Full PDB file with SEQRES, HELIX, SHEET, SSBOND, CRYST1, ORIGX, SCALE, CONECT and MASTER records, all heavy atoms in Angstrom:
SEQRES   1 A   44  HIS VAL ARG ASN MET VAL CYS LEU SER GLN ARG SER GLN          
SEQRES   2 A   44  ALA LYS SER ARG ILE ILE PHE PRO LEU LEU ILE LEU ILE          
SEQRES   3 A   44  ALA VAL GLU LEU VAL GLN PRO THR MET SER CYS LYS ASN          
SEQRES   4 A   44  GLU ASN CYS SER ARG                                          
HELIX    1 AA1 VAL A    2  VAL A   31  1                                  30    
CRYST1    1.000    1.000    1.000  90.00  90.00  90.00 P 1           1          
ORIGX1      1.000000  0.000000  0.000000        0.00000                         
ORIGX2      0.000000  1.000000  0.000000        0.00000                         
ORIGX3      0.000000  0.000000  1.000000        0.00000                         
SCALE1      1.000000  0.000000  0.000000        0.00000                         
SCALE2      0.000000  1.000000  0.000000        0.00000                         
SCALE3      0.000000  0.000000  1.000000        0.00000                         
ATOM      1  N   HIS A   1      -8.784  35.685  13.769  1.00  0.00           N  
ATOM      2  CA  HIS A   1      -9.538  34.492  13.289  1.00  0.00           C  
ATOM      3  C   HIS A   1      -8.629  33.682  12.319  1.00  0.00           C  
ATOM      4  O   HIS A   1      -8.573  32.451  12.488  1.00  0.00           O  
ATOM      5  CB  HIS A   1     -10.670  35.040  12.440  1.00  0.00           C  
ATOM      6  CG  HIS A   1     -11.569  33.910  11.778  1.00  0.00           C  
ATOM      7  ND1 HIS A   1     -12.276  33.029  12.512  1.00  0.00           N  
ATOM      8  CD2 HIS A   1     -11.567  33.511  10.489  1.00  0.00           C  
ATOM      9  CE1 HIS A   1     -12.765  32.079  11.721  1.00  0.00           C  
ATOM     10  NE2 HIS A   1     -12.403  32.453  10.484  1.00  0.00           N  
ATOM     11  N   VAL A   2      -7.892  34.334  11.439  1.00  0.00           N  
ATOM     12  CA  VAL A   2      -6.972  33.676  10.532  1.00  0.00           C  
ATOM     13  C   VAL A   2      -5.880  32.957  11.325  1.00  0.00           C  
ATOM     14  O   VAL A   2      -5.570  31.826  10.996  1.00  0.00           O  
ATOM     15  CB  VAL A   2      -6.366  34.638   9.503  1.00  0.00           C  
ATOM     16  CG1 VAL A   2      -5.290  33.932   8.652  1.00  0.00           C  
ATOM     17  CG2 VAL A   2      -7.580  35.200   8.661  1.00  0.00           C  
ATOM     18  N   ARG A   3      -5.344  33.632  12.286  1.00  0.00           N  
ATOM     19  CA  ARG A   3      -4.283  33.046  13.044  1.00  0.00           C  
ATOM     20  C   ARG A   3      -4.720  31.760  13.840  1.00  0.00           C  
ATOM     21  O   ARG A   3      -4.039  30.812  13.847  1.00  0.00           O  
ATOM     22  CB  ARG A   3      -3.657  34.097  14.121  1.00  0.00           C  
ATOM     23  CG  ARG A   3      -2.502  33.582  14.893  1.00  0.00           C  
ATOM     24  CD  ARG A   3      -1.736  34.735  15.593  1.00  0.00           C  
ATOM     25  NE  ARG A   3      -2.614  35.445  16.511  1.00  0.00           N  
ATOM     26  CZ  ARG A   3      -3.043  36.632  16.410  1.00  0.00           C  
ATOM     27  NH1 ARG A   3      -2.750  37.337  15.348  1.00  0.00           N  
ATOM     28  NH2 ARG A   3      -3.839  37.239  17.275  1.00  0.00           N  
ATOM     29  N   ASN A   4      -5.913  31.853  14.362  1.00  0.00           N  
ATOM     30  CA  ASN A   4      -6.495  30.620  15.054  1.00  0.00           C  
ATOM     31  C   ASN A   4      -6.731  29.521  14.035  1.00  0.00           C  
ATOM     32  O   ASN A   4      -6.474  28.364  14.403  1.00  0.00           O  
ATOM     33  CB  ASN A   4      -7.800  30.991  15.704  1.00  0.00           C  
ATOM     34  CG  ASN A   4      -7.652  31.938  16.941  1.00  0.00           C  
ATOM     35  OD1 ASN A   4      -6.542  31.969  17.526  1.00  0.00           O  
ATOM     36  ND2 ASN A   4      -8.624  32.624  17.393  1.00  0.00           N  
ATOM     37  N   MET A   5      -7.170  29.806  12.910  1.00  0.00           N  
ATOM     38  CA  MET A   5      -7.414  28.830  11.905  1.00  0.00           C  
ATOM     39  C   MET A   5      -6.044  28.152  11.508  1.00  0.00           C  
ATOM     40  O   MET A   5      -5.936  26.903  11.307  1.00  0.00           O  
ATOM     41  CB  MET A   5      -8.088  29.364  10.560  1.00  0.00           C  
ATOM     42  CG  MET A   5      -9.464  29.808  10.792  1.00  0.00           C  
ATOM     43  SD  MET A   5     -10.572  28.458  11.221  1.00  0.00           S  
ATOM     44  CE  MET A   5     -10.585  27.611   9.649  1.00  0.00           C  
ATOM     45  N   VAL A   6      -4.959  28.930  11.379  1.00  0.00           N  
ATOM     46  CA  VAL A   6      -3.707  28.409  11.042  1.00  0.00           C  
ATOM     47  C   VAL A   6      -3.183  27.494  12.173  1.00  0.00           C  
ATOM     48  O   VAL A   6      -2.678  26.339  11.913  1.00  0.00           O  
ATOM     49  CB  VAL A   6      -2.689  29.560  10.782  1.00  0.00           C  
ATOM     50  CG1 VAL A   6      -1.283  28.964  10.669  1.00  0.00           C  
ATOM     51  CG2 VAL A   6      -3.021  30.269   9.547  1.00  0.00           C  
ATOM     52  N   CYS A   7      -3.394  27.922  13.416  1.00  0.00           N  
ATOM     53  CA  CYS A   7      -2.913  27.083  14.525  1.00  0.00           C  
ATOM     54  C   CYS A   7      -3.667  25.745  14.565  1.00  0.00           C  
ATOM     55  O   CYS A   7      -3.045  24.710  14.804  1.00  0.00           O  
ATOM     56  CB  CYS A   7      -3.143  27.798  15.861  1.00  0.00           C  
ATOM     57  SG  CYS A   7      -2.023  29.226  16.084  1.00  0.00           S  
ATOM     58  N   LEU A   8      -5.062  25.813  14.348  1.00  0.00           N  
ATOM     59  CA  LEU A   8      -5.759  24.632  14.361  1.00  0.00           C  
ATOM     60  C   LEU A   8      -5.341  23.606  13.247  1.00  0.00           C  
ATOM     61  O   LEU A   8      -5.246  22.425  13.418  1.00  0.00           O  
ATOM     62  CB  LEU A   8      -7.280  24.968  14.148  1.00  0.00           C  
ATOM     63  CG  LEU A   8      -7.957  25.504  15.408  1.00  0.00           C  
ATOM     64  CD1 LEU A   8      -9.392  25.985  14.989  1.00  0.00           C  
ATOM     65  CD2 LEU A   8      -8.032  24.562  16.590  1.00  0.00           C  
ATOM     66  N   SER A   9      -4.994  24.198  12.047  1.00  0.00           N  
ATOM     67  CA  SER A   9      -4.608  23.407  10.926  1.00  0.00           C  
ATOM     68  C   SER A   9      -3.213  22.736  11.285  1.00  0.00           C  
ATOM     69  O   SER A   9      -3.061  21.529  11.012  1.00  0.00           O  
ATOM     70  CB  SER A   9      -4.438  24.230   9.670  1.00  0.00           C  
ATOM     71  OG  SER A   9      -3.956  23.448   8.647  1.00  0.00           O  
ATOM     72  N   GLN A  10      -2.332  23.501  11.913  1.00  0.00           N  
ATOM     73  CA  GLN A  10      -1.031  22.939  12.288  1.00  0.00           C  
ATOM     74  C   GLN A  10      -1.151  21.789  13.337  1.00  0.00           C  
ATOM     75  O   GLN A  10      -0.500  20.774  13.230  1.00  0.00           O  
ATOM     76  CB  GLN A  10      -0.149  24.014  12.756  1.00  0.00           C  
ATOM     77  CG  GLN A  10       0.319  24.997  11.712  1.00  0.00           C  
ATOM     78  CD  GLN A  10       1.102  26.190  12.329  1.00  0.00           C  
ATOM     79  OE1 GLN A  10       0.975  26.517  13.501  1.00  0.00           O  
ATOM     80  NE2 GLN A  10       1.829  26.836  11.519  1.00  0.00           N  
ATOM     81  N   ARG A  11      -2.090  21.984  14.288  1.00  0.00           N  
ATOM     82  CA  ARG A  11      -2.300  20.928  15.284  1.00  0.00           C  
ATOM     83  C   ARG A  11      -2.857  19.671  14.655  1.00  0.00           C  
ATOM     84  O   ARG A  11      -2.437  18.563  15.012  1.00  0.00           O  
ATOM     85  CB  ARG A  11      -3.234  21.488  16.349  1.00  0.00           C  
ATOM     86  CG  ARG A  11      -2.636  22.482  17.289  1.00  0.00           C  
ATOM     87  CD  ARG A  11      -3.549  22.910  18.361  1.00  0.00           C  
ATOM     88  NE  ARG A  11      -3.059  24.123  19.077  1.00  0.00           N  
ATOM     89  CZ  ARG A  11      -3.846  25.077  19.501  1.00  0.00           C  
ATOM     90  NH1 ARG A  11      -5.077  25.033  19.207  1.00  0.00           N  
ATOM     91  NH2 ARG A  11      -3.361  26.100  20.176  1.00  0.00           N  
ATOM     92  N   SER A  12      -3.766  19.933  13.754  1.00  0.00           N  
ATOM     93  CA  SER A  12      -4.428  18.731  13.010  1.00  0.00           C  
ATOM     94  C   SER A  12      -3.389  17.979  12.243  1.00  0.00           C  
ATOM     95  O   SER A  12      -3.367  16.758  12.257  1.00  0.00           O  
ATOM     96  CB  SER A  12      -5.552  19.256  12.162  1.00  0.00           C  
ATOM     97  OG  SER A  12      -6.126  18.209  11.485  1.00  0.00           O  
ATOM     98  N   GLN A  13      -2.466  18.729  11.528  1.00  0.00           N  
ATOM     99  CA  GLN A  13      -1.445  18.047  10.766  1.00  0.00           C  
ATOM    100  C   GLN A  13      -0.531  17.279  11.692  1.00  0.00           C  
ATOM    101  O   GLN A  13      -0.084  16.164  11.392  1.00  0.00           O  
ATOM    102  CB  GLN A  13      -0.706  19.101   9.977  1.00  0.00           C  
ATOM    103  CG  GLN A  13      -1.548  19.643   8.813  1.00  0.00           C  
ATOM    104  CD  GLN A  13      -0.785  20.838   8.084  1.00  0.00           C  
ATOM    105  OE1 GLN A  13       0.363  21.022   8.394  1.00  0.00           O  
ATOM    106  NE2 GLN A  13      -1.498  21.479   7.197  1.00  0.00           N  
ATOM    107  N   ALA A  14      -0.149  17.883  12.810  1.00  0.00           N  
ATOM    108  CA  ALA A  14       0.782  17.227  13.766  1.00  0.00           C  
ATOM    109  C   ALA A  14       0.207  15.962  14.322  1.00  0.00           C  
ATOM    110  O   ALA A  14       0.793  14.895  14.474  1.00  0.00           O  
ATOM    111  CB  ALA A  14       1.162  18.217  14.880  1.00  0.00           C  
ATOM    112  N   LYS A  15      -1.133  16.032  14.671  1.00  0.00           N  
ATOM    113  CA  LYS A  15      -1.880  14.862  15.192  1.00  0.00           C  
ATOM    114  C   LYS A  15      -1.885  13.792  14.153  1.00  0.00           C  
ATOM    115  O   LYS A  15      -1.836  12.538  14.394  1.00  0.00           O  
ATOM    116  CB  LYS A  15      -3.211  15.280  15.658  1.00  0.00           C  
ATOM    117  CG  LYS A  15      -3.972  14.192  16.346  1.00  0.00           C  
ATOM    118  CD  LYS A  15      -5.311  14.670  16.899  1.00  0.00           C  
ATOM    119  CE  LYS A  15      -6.068  13.602  17.647  1.00  0.00           C  
ATOM    120  NZ  LYS A  15      -7.418  14.134  18.090  1.00  0.00           N  
ATOM    121  N   SER A  16      -2.129  14.142  12.892  1.00  0.00           N  
ATOM    122  CA  SER A  16      -2.157  13.132  11.816  1.00  0.00           C  
ATOM    123  C   SER A  16      -0.827  12.433  11.670  1.00  0.00           C  
ATOM    124  O   SER A  16      -0.814  11.280  11.404  1.00  0.00           O  
ATOM    125  CB  SER A  16      -2.660  13.806  10.486  1.00  0.00           C  
ATOM    126  OG  SER A  16      -3.952  14.366  10.636  1.00  0.00           O  
ATOM    127  N   ARG A  17       0.238  13.192  11.793  1.00  0.00           N  
ATOM    128  CA  ARG A  17       1.573  12.622  11.611  1.00  0.00           C  
ATOM    129  C   ARG A  17       1.822  11.616  12.732  1.00  0.00           C  
ATOM    130  O   ARG A  17       2.606  10.634  12.495  1.00  0.00           O  
ATOM    131  CB  ARG A  17       2.681  13.721  11.628  1.00  0.00           C  
ATOM    132  CG  ARG A  17       2.720  14.522  10.337  1.00  0.00           C  
ATOM    133  CD  ARG A  17       4.020  15.270  10.281  1.00  0.00           C  
ATOM    134  NE  ARG A  17       4.159  16.299  11.356  1.00  0.00           N  
ATOM    135  CZ  ARG A  17       3.697  17.567  11.225  1.00  0.00           C  
ATOM    136  NH1 ARG A  17       3.138  17.958  10.113  1.00  0.00           N  
ATOM    137  NH2 ARG A  17       3.812  18.386  12.258  1.00  0.00           N  
ATOM    138  N   ILE A  18       1.244  11.791  13.923  1.00  0.00           N  
ATOM    139  CA  ILE A  18       1.481  10.830  14.983  1.00  0.00           C  
ATOM    140  C   ILE A  18       0.569   9.595  14.813  1.00  0.00           C  
ATOM    141  O   ILE A  18       1.001   8.468  14.940  1.00  0.00           O  
ATOM    142  CB  ILE A  18       1.117  11.553  16.325  1.00  0.00           C  
ATOM    143  CG1 ILE A  18       2.116  12.673  16.648  1.00  0.00           C  
ATOM    144  CG2 ILE A  18       1.182  10.537  17.460  1.00  0.00           C  
ATOM    145  CD1 ILE A  18       1.832  13.483  17.787  1.00  0.00           C  
ATOM    146  N   ILE A  19      -0.735   9.801  14.455  1.00  0.00           N  
ATOM    147  CA  ILE A  19      -1.664   8.695  14.454  1.00  0.00           C  
ATOM    148  C   ILE A  19      -1.606   7.882  13.215  1.00  0.00           C  
ATOM    149  O   ILE A  19      -1.647   6.685  13.290  1.00  0.00           O  
ATOM    150  CB  ILE A  19      -3.162   9.288  14.662  1.00  0.00           C  
ATOM    151  CG1 ILE A  19      -3.292   9.842  16.036  1.00  0.00           C  
ATOM    152  CG2 ILE A  19      -4.197   8.221  14.419  1.00  0.00           C  
ATOM    153  CD1 ILE A  19      -4.596  10.519  16.311  1.00  0.00           C  
ATOM    154  N   PHE A  20      -1.325   8.484  11.995  1.00  0.00           N  
ATOM    155  CA  PHE A  20      -1.368   7.718  10.765  1.00  0.00           C  
ATOM    156  C   PHE A  20      -0.331   6.556  10.784  1.00  0.00           C  
ATOM    157  O   PHE A  20      -0.716   5.447  10.418  1.00  0.00           O  
ATOM    158  CB  PHE A  20      -1.077   8.653   9.641  1.00  0.00           C  
ATOM    159  CG  PHE A  20      -1.264   8.034   8.326  1.00  0.00           C  
ATOM    160  CD1 PHE A  20      -2.472   7.504   7.874  1.00  0.00           C  
ATOM    161  CD2 PHE A  20      -0.195   7.850   7.471  1.00  0.00           C  
ATOM    162  CE1 PHE A  20      -2.631   6.883   6.633  1.00  0.00           C  
ATOM    163  CE2 PHE A  20      -0.278   7.203   6.240  1.00  0.00           C  
ATOM    164  CZ  PHE A  20      -1.489   6.761   5.848  1.00  0.00           C  
ATOM    165  N   PRO A  21       0.956   6.796  11.215  1.00  0.00           N  
ATOM    166  CA  PRO A  21       1.862   5.671  11.319  1.00  0.00           C  
ATOM    167  C   PRO A  21       1.402   4.553  12.259  1.00  0.00           C  
ATOM    168  O   PRO A  21       1.657   3.295  12.029  1.00  0.00           O  
ATOM    169  CB  PRO A  21       3.186   6.314  11.789  1.00  0.00           C  
ATOM    170  CG  PRO A  21       3.053   7.752  11.427  1.00  0.00           C  
ATOM    171  CD  PRO A  21       1.601   8.064  11.692  1.00  0.00           C  
ATOM    172  N   LEU A  22       0.680   4.924  13.355  1.00  0.00           N  
ATOM    173  CA  LEU A  22       0.229   3.869  14.264  1.00  0.00           C  
ATOM    174  C   LEU A  22      -0.904   3.083  13.610  1.00  0.00           C  
ATOM    175  O   LEU A  22      -1.000   1.857  13.770  1.00  0.00           O  
ATOM    176  CB  LEU A  22      -0.257   4.594  15.516  1.00  0.00           C  
ATOM    177  CG  LEU A  22       0.773   5.130  16.433  1.00  0.00           C  
ATOM    178  CD1 LEU A  22       0.117   5.931  17.525  1.00  0.00           C  
ATOM    179  CD2 LEU A  22       1.747   4.082  16.946  1.00  0.00           C  
ATOM    180  N   LEU A  23      -1.746   3.730  12.751  1.00  0.00           N  
ATOM    181  CA  LEU A  23      -2.806   2.998  12.126  1.00  0.00           C  
ATOM    182  C   LEU A  23      -2.245   2.087  11.154  1.00  0.00           C  
ATOM    183  O   LEU A  23      -2.775   0.905  10.900  1.00  0.00           O  
ATOM    184  CB  LEU A  23      -3.770   4.002  11.435  1.00  0.00           C  
ATOM    185  CG  LEU A  23      -4.579   4.884  12.354  1.00  0.00           C  
ATOM    186  CD1 LEU A  23      -5.379   5.872  11.470  1.00  0.00           C  
ATOM    187  CD2 LEU A  23      -5.434   4.059  13.235  1.00  0.00           C  
ATOM    188  N   ILE A  24      -1.149   2.470  10.412  1.00  0.00           N  
ATOM    189  CA  ILE A  24      -0.430   1.564   9.445  1.00  0.00           C  
ATOM    190  C   ILE A  24       0.142   0.385  10.271  1.00  0.00           C  
ATOM    191  O   ILE A  24       0.017  -0.743   9.777  1.00  0.00           O  
ATOM    192  CB  ILE A  24       0.672   2.351   8.735  1.00  0.00           C  
ATOM    193  CG1 ILE A  24       0.071   3.367   7.797  1.00  0.00           C  
ATOM    194  CG2 ILE A  24       1.549   1.381   7.946  1.00  0.00           C  
ATOM    195  CD1 ILE A  24       1.072   4.256   7.086  1.00  0.00           C  
ATOM    196  N   LEU A  25       0.752   0.597  11.362  1.00  0.00           N  
ATOM    197  CA  LEU A  25       1.293  -0.442  12.165  1.00  0.00           C  
ATOM    198  C   LEU A  25       0.175  -1.448  12.600  1.00  0.00           C  
ATOM    199  O   LEU A  25       0.323  -2.679  12.451  1.00  0.00           O  
ATOM    200  CB  LEU A  25       1.919   0.147  13.403  1.00  0.00           C  
ATOM    201  CG  LEU A  25       2.492  -0.841  14.481  1.00  0.00           C  
ATOM    202  CD1 LEU A  25       3.630  -1.624  13.891  1.00  0.00           C  
ATOM    203  CD2 LEU A  25       2.957  -0.078  15.768  1.00  0.00           C  
ATOM    204  N   ILE A  26      -0.942  -0.986  13.056  1.00  0.00           N  
ATOM    205  CA  ILE A  26      -2.002  -1.864  13.385  1.00  0.00           C  
ATOM    206  C   ILE A  26      -2.561  -2.627  12.200  1.00  0.00           C  
ATOM    207  O   ILE A  26      -2.879  -3.759  12.303  1.00  0.00           O  
ATOM    208  CB  ILE A  26      -3.201  -1.086  14.083  1.00  0.00           C  
ATOM    209  CG1 ILE A  26      -2.759  -0.528  15.398  1.00  0.00           C  
ATOM    210  CG2 ILE A  26      -4.470  -1.949  14.193  1.00  0.00           C  
ATOM    211  CD1 ILE A  26      -3.805   0.368  16.085  1.00  0.00           C  
ATOM    212  N   ALA A  27      -2.660  -1.937  10.991  1.00  0.00           N  
ATOM    213  CA  ALA A  27      -3.106  -2.660   9.790  1.00  0.00           C  
ATOM    214  C   ALA A  27      -2.180  -3.787   9.421  1.00  0.00           C  
ATOM    215  O   ALA A  27      -2.615  -4.888   9.032  1.00  0.00           O  
ATOM    216  CB  ALA A  27      -3.243  -1.652   8.645  1.00  0.00           C  
ATOM    217  N   VAL A  28      -0.850  -3.582   9.540  1.00  0.00           N  
ATOM    218  CA  VAL A  28       0.122  -4.650   9.225  1.00  0.00           C  
ATOM    219  C   VAL A  28      -0.020  -5.774  10.084  1.00  0.00           C  
ATOM    220  O   VAL A  28      -0.034  -6.990   9.748  1.00  0.00           O  
ATOM    221  CB  VAL A  28       1.556  -4.098   9.376  1.00  0.00           C  
ATOM    222  CG1 VAL A  28       2.529  -5.217   9.234  1.00  0.00           C  
ATOM    223  CG2 VAL A  28       1.786  -3.057   8.204  1.00  0.00           C  
ATOM    224  N   GLU A  29      -0.315  -5.529  11.446  1.00  0.00           N  
ATOM    225  CA  GLU A  29      -0.481  -6.645  12.412  1.00  0.00           C  
ATOM    226  C   GLU A  29      -1.704  -7.397  12.227  1.00  0.00           C  
ATOM    227  O   GLU A  29      -1.884  -8.550  12.589  1.00  0.00           O  
ATOM    228  CB  GLU A  29      -0.329  -6.076  13.794  1.00  0.00           C  
ATOM    229  CG  GLU A  29       1.146  -5.671  14.112  1.00  0.00           C  
ATOM    230  CD  GLU A  29       1.274  -5.017  15.485  1.00  0.00           C  
ATOM    231  OE1 GLU A  29       0.298  -4.656  16.068  1.00  0.00           O  
ATOM    232  OE2 GLU A  29       2.434  -5.020  15.930  1.00  0.00           O  
ATOM    233  N   LEU A  30      -2.781  -6.618  11.646  1.00  0.00           N  
ATOM    234  CA  LEU A  30      -4.016  -7.385  11.320  1.00  0.00           C  
ATOM    235  C   LEU A  30      -3.741  -8.464  10.243  1.00  0.00           C  
ATOM    236  O   LEU A  30      -4.361  -9.545  10.198  1.00  0.00           O  
ATOM    237  CB  LEU A  30      -5.062  -6.389  10.834  1.00  0.00           C  
ATOM    238  CG  LEU A  30      -5.789  -5.638  11.919  1.00  0.00           C  
ATOM    239  CD1 LEU A  30      -6.631  -4.502  11.267  1.00  0.00           C  
ATOM    240  CD2 LEU A  30      -6.705  -6.557  12.742  1.00  0.00           C  
ATOM    241  N   VAL A  31      -2.872  -8.167   9.309  1.00  0.00           N  
ATOM    242  CA  VAL A  31      -2.564  -9.109   8.281  1.00  0.00           C  
ATOM    243  C   VAL A  31      -1.599 -10.206   8.811  1.00  0.00           C  
ATOM    244  O   VAL A  31      -1.698 -11.379   8.382  1.00  0.00           O  
ATOM    245  CB  VAL A  31      -1.842  -8.381   7.072  1.00  0.00           C  
ATOM    246  CG1 VAL A  31      -1.440  -9.309   5.973  1.00  0.00           C  
ATOM    247  CG2 VAL A  31      -2.833  -7.358   6.451  1.00  0.00           C  
ATOM    248  N   GLN A  32      -0.635  -9.836   9.678  1.00  0.00           N  
ATOM    249  CA  GLN A  32       0.340 -10.744  10.183  1.00  0.00           C  
ATOM    250  C   GLN A  32       0.309 -10.805  11.639  1.00  0.00           C  
ATOM    251  O   GLN A  32       1.252 -10.368  12.357  1.00  0.00           O  
ATOM    252  CB  GLN A  32       1.755 -10.364   9.651  1.00  0.00           C  
ATOM    253  CG  GLN A  32       1.909 -10.483   8.199  1.00  0.00           C  
ATOM    254  CD  GLN A  32       3.288 -10.045   7.809  1.00  0.00           C  
ATOM    255  OE1 GLN A  32       3.691  -8.887   7.977  1.00  0.00           O  
ATOM    256  NE2 GLN A  32       4.086 -10.946   7.289  1.00  0.00           N  
ATOM    257  N   PRO A  33      -0.828 -11.266  12.307  1.00  0.00           N  
ATOM    258  CA  PRO A  33      -0.944 -11.180  13.698  1.00  0.00           C  
ATOM    259  C   PRO A  33       0.053 -12.061  14.515  1.00  0.00           C  
ATOM    260  O   PRO A  33       0.168 -11.841  15.723  1.00  0.00           O  
ATOM    261  CB  PRO A  33      -2.358 -11.665  13.987  1.00  0.00           C  
ATOM    262  CG  PRO A  33      -2.708 -12.483  12.745  1.00  0.00           C  
ATOM    263  CD  PRO A  33      -1.952 -11.954  11.641  1.00  0.00           C  
ATOM    264  N   THR A  34       0.671 -13.007  13.899  1.00  0.00           N  
ATOM    265  CA  THR A  34       1.598 -13.946  14.604  1.00  0.00           C  
ATOM    266  C   THR A  34       3.028 -13.737  14.134  1.00  0.00           C  
ATOM    267  O   THR A  34       3.803 -14.724  14.244  1.00  0.00           O  
ATOM    268  CB  THR A  34       1.159 -15.404  14.439  1.00  0.00           C  
ATOM    269  OG1 THR A  34       1.132 -15.733  13.082  1.00  0.00           O  
ATOM    270  CG2 THR A  34      -0.239 -15.554  15.044  1.00  0.00           C  
ATOM    271  N   MET A  35       3.340 -12.636  13.449  1.00  0.00           N  
ATOM    272  CA  MET A  35       4.640 -12.485  12.837  1.00  0.00           C  
ATOM    273  C   MET A  35       5.743 -12.460  14.007  1.00  0.00           C  
ATOM    274  O   MET A  35       5.534 -12.105  15.065  1.00  0.00           O  
ATOM    275  CB  MET A  35       4.704 -11.183  12.109  1.00  0.00           C  
ATOM    276  CG  MET A  35       4.562  -9.914  12.962  1.00  0.00           C  
ATOM    277  SD  MET A  35       4.617  -8.420  12.001  1.00  0.00           S  
ATOM    278  CE  MET A  35       4.485  -7.188  13.316  1.00  0.00           C  
ATOM    279  N   SER A  36       6.967 -12.967  13.558  1.00  0.00           N  
ATOM    280  CA  SER A  36       8.002 -12.978  14.476  1.00  0.00           C  
ATOM    281  C   SER A  36       8.697 -11.544  14.538  1.00  0.00           C  
ATOM    282  O   SER A  36       8.653 -10.908  13.498  1.00  0.00           O  
ATOM    283  CB  SER A  36       9.152 -13.929  14.006  1.00  0.00           C  
ATOM    284  OG  SER A  36      10.298 -13.777  14.770  1.00  0.00           O  
ATOM    285  N   CYS A  37       9.072 -11.182  15.671  1.00  0.00           N  
ATOM    286  CA  CYS A  37       9.597  -9.796  15.853  1.00  0.00           C  
ATOM    287  C   CYS A  37      11.060  -9.840  16.043  1.00  0.00           C  
ATOM    288  O   CYS A  37      11.742  -8.745  16.189  1.00  0.00           O  
ATOM    289  CB  CYS A  37       8.995  -9.125  17.075  1.00  0.00           C  
ATOM    290  SG  CYS A  37       7.139  -9.246  17.092  1.00  0.00           S  
ATOM    291  N   LYS A  38      11.775 -10.988  16.009  1.00  0.00           N  
ATOM    292  CA  LYS A  38      13.153 -11.073  16.290  1.00  0.00           C  
ATOM    293  C   LYS A  38      14.044 -10.387  15.363  1.00  0.00           C  
ATOM    294  O   LYS A  38      15.231 -10.038  15.664  1.00  0.00           O  
ATOM    295  CB  LYS A  38      13.602 -12.583  16.512  1.00  0.00           C  
ATOM    296  CG  LYS A  38      12.891 -13.244  17.672  1.00  0.00           C  
ATOM    297  CD  LYS A  38      13.251 -14.729  17.796  1.00  0.00           C  
ATOM    298  CE  LYS A  38      12.542 -15.316  18.915  1.00  0.00           C  
ATOM    299  NZ  LYS A  38      12.909 -16.771  19.138  1.00  0.00           N  
ATOM    300  N   ASN A  39      13.573 -10.194  14.105  1.00  0.00           N  
ATOM    301  CA  ASN A  39      14.433  -9.618  13.057  1.00  0.00           C  
ATOM    302  C   ASN A  39      14.169  -8.104  12.979  1.00  0.00           C  
ATOM    303  O   ASN A  39      14.742  -7.418  12.033  1.00  0.00           O  
ATOM    304  CB  ASN A  39      14.266 -10.269  11.740  1.00  0.00           C  
ATOM    305  CG  ASN A  39      14.805 -11.711  11.808  1.00  0.00           C  
ATOM    306  OD1 ASN A  39      15.801 -12.020  12.460  1.00  0.00           O  
ATOM    307  ND2 ASN A  39      14.070 -12.654  11.156  1.00  0.00           N  
ATOM    308  N   GLU A  40      13.283  -7.550  13.734  1.00  0.00           N  
ATOM    309  CA  GLU A  40      13.022  -6.106  13.642  1.00  0.00           C  
ATOM    310  C   GLU A  40      14.058  -5.289  14.256  1.00  0.00           C  
ATOM    311  O   GLU A  40      14.790  -5.721  15.148  1.00  0.00           O  
ATOM    312  CB  GLU A  40      11.675  -5.809  14.372  1.00  0.00           C  
ATOM    313  CG  GLU A  40      10.392  -6.252  13.613  1.00  0.00           C  
ATOM    314  CD  GLU A  40       9.175  -5.608  14.200  1.00  0.00           C  
ATOM    315  OE1 GLU A  40       9.197  -4.456  14.651  1.00  0.00           O  
ATOM    316  OE2 GLU A  40       8.117  -6.294  14.244  1.00  0.00           O  
ATOM    317  N   ASN A  41      14.247  -4.044  13.751  1.00  0.00           N  
ATOM    318  CA  ASN A  41      15.137  -3.139  14.392  1.00  0.00           C  
ATOM    319  C   ASN A  41      14.724  -2.867  15.802  1.00  0.00           C  
ATOM    320  O   ASN A  41      13.644  -2.523  16.081  1.00  0.00           O  
ATOM    321  CB  ASN A  41      15.176  -1.772  13.561  1.00  0.00           C  
ATOM    322  CG  ASN A  41      16.027  -0.784  14.190  1.00  0.00           C  
ATOM    323  OD1 ASN A  41      15.636   0.015  15.104  1.00  0.00           O  
ATOM    324  ND2 ASN A  41      17.215  -0.640  13.688  1.00  0.00           N  
ATOM    325  N   CYS A  42      15.711  -3.034  16.712  1.00  0.00           N  
ATOM    326  CA  CYS A  42      15.353  -2.992  18.155  1.00  0.00           C  
ATOM    327  C   CYS A  42      14.844  -1.603  18.645  1.00  0.00           C  
ATOM    328  O   CYS A  42      13.841  -1.539  19.257  1.00  0.00           O  
ATOM    329  CB  CYS A  42      16.574  -3.428  18.899  1.00  0.00           C  
ATOM    330  SG  CYS A  42      16.376  -3.462  20.775  1.00  0.00           S  
ATOM    331  N   SER A  43      15.603  -0.625  18.226  1.00  0.00           N  
ATOM    332  CA  SER A  43      15.153   0.733  18.603  1.00  0.00           C  
ATOM    333  C   SER A  43      13.773   1.100  18.074  1.00  0.00           C  
ATOM    334  O   SER A  43      12.892   1.664  18.797  1.00  0.00           O  
ATOM    335  CB  SER A  43      16.220   1.777  18.143  1.00  0.00           C  
ATOM    336  OG  SER A  43      17.441   1.499  18.784  1.00  0.00           O  
ATOM    337  N   ARG A  44      13.518   0.740  16.807  1.00  0.00           N  
ATOM    338  CA  ARG A  44      12.284   1.013  16.242  1.00  0.00           C  
ATOM    339  C   ARG A  44      11.152   0.297  16.847  1.00  0.00           C  
ATOM    340  O   ARG A  44       9.997   0.807  17.039  1.00  0.00           O  
ATOM    341  CB  ARG A  44      12.301   0.832  14.708  1.00  0.00           C  
ATOM    342  CG  ARG A  44      11.003   1.087  13.979  1.00  0.00           C  
ATOM    343  CD  ARG A  44      11.133   0.974  12.505  1.00  0.00           C  
ATOM    344  NE  ARG A  44      12.067   2.046  11.955  1.00  0.00           N  
ATOM    345  CZ  ARG A  44      12.400   2.142  10.711  1.00  0.00           C  
ATOM    346  NH1 ARG A  44      11.955   1.324   9.797  1.00  0.00           N  
ATOM    347  NH2 ARG A  44      13.193   3.085  10.343  1.00  0.00           N  
TER     348      ARG A  44                                                      
MASTER        0    0    0    1    0    0    0    6  347    1    0    4          
END                                                                             
């Protein structure tokens, strides 16, 4: 039971690390929906 709880917690943390930056990205674009992208880091 404890091992399963630890695994679920780790998965939840990993999912949060993926989704949270994307939510920040969307929030920024809501503020600047027509921003120019030409000066952004290409790889990023």
